[in-house]
């Protein structure tokens, strides 16, 4: 008889119920919230105000055929081809840079590199103005799209779509 009482008592001690489950869920929620709030990446974002500035960034589109060089004009809206978000307006377009490639010729002594101009192709240097959010340690963002020098961009203008690189940012 004594052993049966011990077994029943043991069963009662380890019985798991709904209140225990709710307490565990509450504790996990508190710990998860504390980790989210106090982690370095989110604490800065939550407690800092957004710093919005006007920037101008310059892109270079290489090897544009002569027939397309005037399709990009001032005041054109620039769209990110991937996210479909606006990235600013064109403020200046430079059509005067000829497209060149490096070609090697063999001489008796060694290889010599020569820049070869392509008569019907140009590099377009385009300056775009936009309002950007500056995030400390991360850089400039326009509609959640990071803008950085050397960054590859897929852009869409009203009459032209291209892949290009950002070559300069000015504030």
Foldseek 3Di string as FASTA:
>chain_A
DVVVVVVVVVCVVPDDDDVNVVVVVVVVVVVVVVCQCPPVVRVCVVPDDWDKDKKKWKWKFWWDFQVCQPVADFQWWKAFPPVRDTDFTWHDKDFPAFHWDWDWDDDPVGIDIDIDTDVGTTMMIIMGIDMWTQDPPQGTDDPNHHADAQDWTFMDTPRDTGIIGTHDMDD
